[in-house]
Amino acid sequence: MDYPDVHFRIATVNDLKNADTFLEDITKYDFIEFVPCLAGCLTGGGQYPTLDPFTVKKRRKRMEDYNRGTLHWSNRILKARLYKDLDGEGAETAGKGVTR
């Protein structure tokens, strides 16, 4: 992205498994957008906004399924990993029920 006399170095990282590469070279970029949502974001972070009601409805259903724990097992494992290394108050119960 270029503006007169200004140059931005921007990257988008899809999937957390690719994050290590960018974190090693983080000083090379002015802005890095991380899009880790395996279940998909509901017209939010990492998603281009849409006005198509079918797409919004489909994304909403995926989020509801995810919150109910009915999506693919790998999504629940990722959630469990995210909570695994938490420290501090409430950490012992933060990830309860994520591997059902």
N, C-alpha and C. Protein backbone atom coordinates (compact mmCIF):
# COMPACT_ATOMS: atom_id res chain seq x y z
N MET A 1 0.86 -1.16 0.00
CA MET A 1 0.00 0.00 0.00
C MET A 1 0.91 1.23 0.00
N ASP A 2 0.73 2.12 -0.94
CA ASP A 2 1.57 3.30 -1.04
C ASP A 2 0.74 4.58 -0.99
N TYR A 3 1.24 5.53 -0.26
CA TYR A 3 0.72 6.89 -0.23
C TYR A 3 1.90 7.78 -0.61
N PRO A 4 1.65 8.99 -1.07
CA PRO A 4 2.78 9.87 -1.39
C PRO A 4 3.74 9.96 -0.21
N ASP A 5 4.97 9.59 -0.43
CA ASP A 5 6.05 9.67 0.56
C ASP A 5 5.88 8.73 1.75
N VAL A 6 4.93 7.79 1.69
CA VAL A 6 4.72 6.85 2.79
C VAL A 6 4.56 5.45 2.20
N HIS A 7 5.20 4.49 2.81
CA HIS A 7 5.08 3.10 2.37
C HIS A 7 4.80 2.23 3.60
N PHE A 8 3.72 1.46 3.55
CA PHE A 8 3.36 0.56 4.64
C PHE A 8 3.68 -0.86 4.23
N ARG A 9 4.25 -1.61 5.16
CA ARG A 9 4.50 -3.04 4.94
C ARG A 9 3.46 -3.81 5.73
N ILE A 10 2.53 -4.42 5.02
CA ILE A 10 1.36 -5.07 5.63
C ILE A 10 1.34 -6.54 5.24
N ALA A 11 0.96 -7.39 6.20
CA ALA A 11 0.82 -8.82 5.93
C ALA A 11 -0.44 -9.34 6.60
N THR A 12 -1.02 -10.38 6.02
CA THR A 12 -2.14 -11.08 6.62
C THR A 12 -1.71 -12.53 6.80
N VAL A 13 -1.89 -13.06 8.01
CA VAL A 13 -1.52 -14.43 8.31
C VAL A 13 -2.79 -15.23 8.54
N ASN A 14 -3.03 -16.22 7.70
CA ASN A 14 -4.18 -17.10 7.84
C ASN A 14 -3.74 -18.39 8.52
N ASP A 15 -4.40 -18.75 9.60
CA ASP A 15 -4.13 -19.96 10.37
C ASP A 15 -2.90 -19.76 11.27
N LEU A 16 -3.05 -20.12 12.51
CA LEU A 16 -1.99 -19.89 13.49
C LEU A 16 -0.71 -20.66 13.20
N LYS A 17 -0.80 -21.76 12.44
CA LYS A 17 0.42 -22.51 12.15
C LYS A 17 1.40 -21.69 11.32
N ASN A 18 0.92 -20.65 10.64
CA ASN A 18 1.78 -19.77 9.85
C ASN A 18 2.30 -18.58 10.64
N ALA A 19 1.85 -18.42 11.86
CA ALA A 19 2.20 -17.23 12.65
C ALA A 19 3.67 -17.18 13.03
N ASP A 20 4.28 -18.33 13.30
CA ASP A 20 5.69 -18.34 13.71
C ASP A 20 6.60 -17.64 12.71
N THR A 21 6.36 -17.88 11.44
CA THR A 21 7.18 -17.27 10.39
C THR A 21 7.16 -15.76 10.50
N PHE A 22 5.98 -15.21 10.71
CA PHE A 22 5.86 -13.76 10.78
C PHE A 22 6.35 -13.19 12.10
N LEU A 23 6.18 -13.93 13.18
CA LEU A 23 6.65 -13.44 14.47
C LEU A 23 8.17 -13.36 14.52
N GLU A 24 8.83 -14.25 13.80
CA GLU A 24 10.29 -14.20 13.74
C GLU A 24 10.78 -12.94 13.03
N ASP A 25 10.00 -12.47 12.06
CA ASP A 25 10.38 -11.30 11.26
C ASP A 25 9.43 -10.13 11.47
N ILE A 26 8.89 -10.00 12.67
CA ILE A 26 7.84 -9.02 12.93
C ILE A 26 8.29 -7.58 12.65
N THR A 27 9.57 -7.31 12.78
CA THR A 27 10.04 -5.94 12.57
C THR A 27 10.05 -5.54 11.09
N LYS A 28 9.84 -6.51 10.21
CA LYS A 28 9.80 -6.20 8.77
C LYS A 28 8.47 -5.58 8.35
N TYR A 29 7.46 -5.64 9.24
CA TYR A 29 6.12 -5.20 8.88
C TYR A 29 5.65 -4.08 9.79
N ASP A 30 4.83 -3.21 9.22
CA ASP A 30 4.21 -2.14 10.01
C ASP A 30 2.90 -2.62 10.63
N PHE A 31 2.26 -3.58 9.97
CA PHE A 31 0.97 -4.09 10.44
C PHE A 31 0.85 -5.54 10.00
N ILE A 32 0.45 -6.41 10.94
CA ILE A 32 0.18 -7.81 10.61
C ILE A 32 -1.20 -8.15 11.14
N GLU A 33 -2.06 -8.65 10.25
CA GLU A 33 -3.39 -9.09 10.66
C GLU A 33 -3.34 -10.61 10.79
N PHE A 34 -3.67 -11.11 11.98
CA PHE A 34 -3.74 -12.55 12.21
C PHE A 34 -5.19 -12.98 12.14
N VAL A 35 -5.47 -14.02 11.35
CA VAL A 35 -6.82 -14.54 11.18
C VAL A 35 -6.82 -16.00 11.64
N PRO A 36 -7.01 -16.24 12.96
CA PRO A 36 -6.90 -17.59 13.49
C PRO A 36 -8.21 -18.37 13.55
N CYS A 37 -9.31 -17.77 13.18
CA CYS A 37 -10.63 -18.37 13.39
C CYS A 37 -10.87 -19.58 12.50
N LEU A 38 -10.67 -20.78 13.03
CA LEU A 38 -10.97 -21.98 12.25
C LEU A 38 -12.47 -22.12 12.05
N ALA A 39 -13.25 -21.65 13.00
CA ALA A 39 -14.70 -21.75 12.88
C ALA A 39 -15.27 -20.61 12.06
N GLY A 40 -14.46 -19.64 11.74
CA GLY A 40 -14.94 -18.49 10.97
C GLY A 40 -15.42 -17.38 11.88
N CYS A 41 -15.23 -16.17 11.44
CA CYS A 41 -15.66 -15.01 12.21
C CYS A 41 -16.96 -14.49 11.62
N LEU A 42 -17.86 -14.10 12.44
CA LEU A 42 -19.16 -13.63 11.99
C LEU A 42 -19.05 -12.18 11.56
N THR A 43 -18.79 -11.95 10.29
CA THR A 43 -18.59 -10.63 9.69
C THR A 43 -17.72 -9.73 10.56
N GLY A 44 -16.75 -10.36 11.20
CA GLY A 44 -15.85 -9.62 12.06
C GLY A 44 -14.41 -9.83 11.64
N GLY A 45 -13.51 -9.83 12.61
CA GLY A 45 -12.09 -9.91 12.33
C GLY A 45 -11.71 -10.94 11.28
N GLY A 46 -11.03 -10.48 10.25
CA GLY A 46 -10.57 -11.37 9.20
C GLY A 46 -11.58 -11.65 8.11
N GLN A 47 -12.81 -11.23 8.29
CA GLN A 47 -13.84 -11.46 7.28
C GLN A 47 -14.17 -10.15 6.58
N TYR A 48 -14.33 -10.24 5.29
CA TYR A 48 -14.80 -9.06 4.57
C TYR A 48 -16.29 -8.90 4.86
N PRO A 49 -16.72 -7.69 5.18
CA PRO A 49 -18.14 -7.47 5.46
C PRO A 49 -19.00 -7.87 4.26
N THR A 50 -20.15 -8.41 4.54
CA THR A 50 -21.06 -8.79 3.47
C THR A 50 -22.47 -8.33 3.81
N LEU A 51 -23.20 -8.00 2.78
CA LEU A 51 -24.61 -7.63 2.95
C LEU A 51 -25.51 -8.76 2.49
N ASP A 52 -24.92 -9.85 2.00
CA ASP A 52 -25.69 -10.99 1.52
C ASP A 52 -26.29 -11.73 2.72
N PRO A 53 -27.62 -11.72 2.85
CA PRO A 53 -28.24 -12.33 4.03
C PRO A 53 -27.96 -13.84 4.14
N PHE A 54 -27.80 -14.53 3.03
CA PHE A 54 -27.49 -15.96 3.07
C PHE A 54 -26.13 -16.20 3.72
N THR A 55 -25.14 -15.40 3.34
CA THR A 55 -23.79 -15.55 3.89
C THR A 55 -23.77 -15.23 5.38
N VAL A 56 -24.45 -14.16 5.78
CA VAL A 56 -24.51 -13.80 7.20
C VAL A 56 -25.18 -14.92 7.99
N LYS A 57 -26.28 -15.48 7.46
CA LYS A 57 -26.99 -16.56 8.14
C LYS A 57 -26.09 -17.80 8.28
N LYS A 58 -25.35 -18.11 7.22
CA LYS A 58 -24.46 -19.27 7.25
C LYS A 58 -23.34 -19.07 8.29
N ARG A 59 -22.76 -17.88 8.33
CA ARG A 59 -21.71 -17.60 9.32
C ARG A 59 -22.27 -17.64 10.73
N ARG A 60 -23.46 -17.11 10.92
CA ARG A 60 -24.09 -17.13 12.25
C ARG A 60 -24.30 -18.58 12.71
N LYS A 61 -24.77 -19.44 11.80
CA LYS A 61 -24.98 -20.84 12.16
C LYS A 61 -23.67 -21.51 12.56
N ARG A 62 -22.58 -21.22 11.83
CA ARG A 62 -21.28 -21.81 12.19
C ARG A 62 -20.84 -21.37 13.58
N MET A 63 -21.06 -20.10 13.90
CA MET A 63 -20.68 -19.62 15.23
C MET A 63 -21.54 -20.27 16.31
N GLU A 64 -22.83 -20.43 16.04
CA GLU A 64 -23.71 -21.08 17.01
C GLU A 64 -23.30 -22.54 17.20
N ASP A 65 -22.99 -23.23 16.10
CA ASP A 65 -22.53 -24.62 16.18
C ASP A 65 -21.24 -24.71 16.98
N TYR A 66 -20.34 -23.77 16.73
CA TYR A 66 -19.06 -23.75 17.45
C TYR A 66 -19.29 -23.57 18.94
N ASN A 67 -20.14 -22.63 19.29
CA ASN A 67 -20.42 -22.36 20.71
C ASN A 67 -21.10 -23.54 21.39
N ARG A 68 -21.86 -24.33 20.64
CA ARG A 68 -22.50 -25.52 21.19
C ARG A 68 -21.51 -26.70 21.23
N GLY A 69 -20.36 -26.55 20.58
CA GLY A 69 -19.38 -27.63 20.56
C GLY A 69 -19.69 -28.70 19.54
N THR A 70 -20.52 -28.39 18.53
CA THR A 70 -20.91 -29.41 17.56
C THR A 70 -20.08 -29.38 16.29
N LEU A 71 -19.11 -28.50 16.20
CA LEU A 71 -18.25 -28.48 15.02
C LEU A 71 -17.20 -29.58 15.11
N HIS A 72 -16.45 -29.72 14.09
CA HIS A 72 -15.42 -30.75 13.97
C HIS A 72 -14.52 -30.79 15.21
N TRP A 73 -14.09 -31.98 15.60
CA TRP A 73 -13.28 -32.16 16.81
C TRP A 73 -12.02 -31.31 16.80
N SER A 74 -11.44 -31.05 15.64
CA SER A 74 -10.18 -30.29 15.61
C SER A 74 -10.38 -28.87 16.11
N ASN A 75 -11.55 -28.30 15.91
CA ASN A 75 -11.83 -26.96 16.41
C ASN A 75 -11.88 -26.95 17.94
N ARG A 76 -12.43 -27.99 18.53
CA ARG A 76 -12.49 -28.06 19.98
C ARG A 76 -11.10 -28.28 20.57
N ILE A 77 -10.26 -29.04 19.87
CA ILE A 77 -8.89 -29.25 20.34
C ILE A 77 -8.11 -27.95 20.31
N LEU A 78 -8.30 -27.16 19.26
CA LEU A 78 -7.62 -25.86 19.19
C LEU A 78 -8.03 -25.00 20.37
N LYS A 79 -9.31 -24.97 20.68
CA LYS A 79 -9.80 -24.17 21.80
C LYS A 79 -9.17 -24.65 23.11
N ALA A 80 -9.06 -25.96 23.28
CA ALA A 80 -8.44 -26.51 24.49
C ALA A 80 -6.98 -26.09 24.58
N ARG A 81 -6.28 -26.09 23.45
CA ARG A 81 -4.87 -25.68 23.46
C ARG A 81 -4.73 -24.21 23.84
N LEU A 82 -5.66 -23.39 23.40
CA LEU A 82 -5.59 -21.97 23.72
C LEU A 82 -5.70 -21.74 25.22
N TYR A 83 -6.52 -22.55 25.90
CA TYR A 83 -6.71 -22.39 27.34
C TYR A 83 -5.63 -23.09 28.17
N LYS A 84 -4.91 -24.04 27.58
CA LYS A 84 -3.99 -24.90 28.31
C LYS A 84 -2.94 -24.13 29.13
N ASP A 85 -2.39 -23.09 28.58
CA ASP A 85 -1.28 -22.39 29.23
C ASP A 85 -1.69 -21.13 29.99
N LEU A 86 -2.97 -20.97 30.26
CA LEU A 86 -3.42 -19.80 31.00
C LEU A 86 -2.94 -19.84 32.44
N ASP A 87 -2.61 -18.70 32.97
CA ASP A 87 -2.23 -18.57 34.37
C ASP A 87 -3.13 -17.52 35.01
N GLY A 88 -3.16 -17.53 36.32
CA GLY A 88 -3.89 -16.49 37.03
C GLY A 88 -5.27 -16.92 37.46
N GLU A 89 -5.98 -15.97 38.06
CA GLU A 89 -7.30 -16.23 38.61
C GLU A 89 -8.26 -16.72 37.54
N GLY A 90 -8.95 -17.82 37.82
CA GLY A 90 -9.93 -18.37 36.90
C GLY A 90 -9.35 -19.32 35.86
N ALA A 91 -8.03 -19.46 35.81
CA ALA A 91 -7.40 -20.29 34.79
C ALA A 91 -7.83 -21.76 34.91
N GLU A 92 -8.03 -22.22 36.14
CA GLU A 92 -8.37 -23.63 36.33
C GLU A 92 -9.73 -23.99 35.73
N THR A 93 -10.62 -23.04 35.55
CA THR A 93 -11.94 -23.33 34.99
C THR A 93 -12.14 -22.73 33.61
N ALA A 94 -11.18 -21.97 33.10
CA ALA A 94 -11.36 -21.26 31.83
C ALA A 94 -11.63 -22.19 30.66
N GLY A 95 -10.99 -23.35 30.61
CA GLY A 95 -11.14 -24.23 29.47
C GLY A 95 -12.07 -25.41 29.68
N LYS A 96 -12.79 -25.43 30.80
CA LYS A 96 -13.67 -26.57 31.10
C LYS A 96 -14.70 -26.77 30.00
N GLY A 97 -14.87 -28.03 29.60
CA GLY A 97 -15.91 -28.37 28.64
C GLY A 97 -15.53 -28.15 27.19
N VAL A 98 -14.30 -27.76 26.90
CA VAL A 98 -13.97 -27.46 25.52
C VAL A 98 -13.65 -28.70 24.69
N THR A 99 -13.47 -29.85 25.32
CA THR A 99 -13.13 -31.05 24.55
C THR A 99 -14.27 -32.06 24.52
N ARG A 100 -15.47 -31.64 24.80
CA ARG A 100 -16.59 -32.58 24.82
C ARG A 100 -16.89 -33.13 23.45
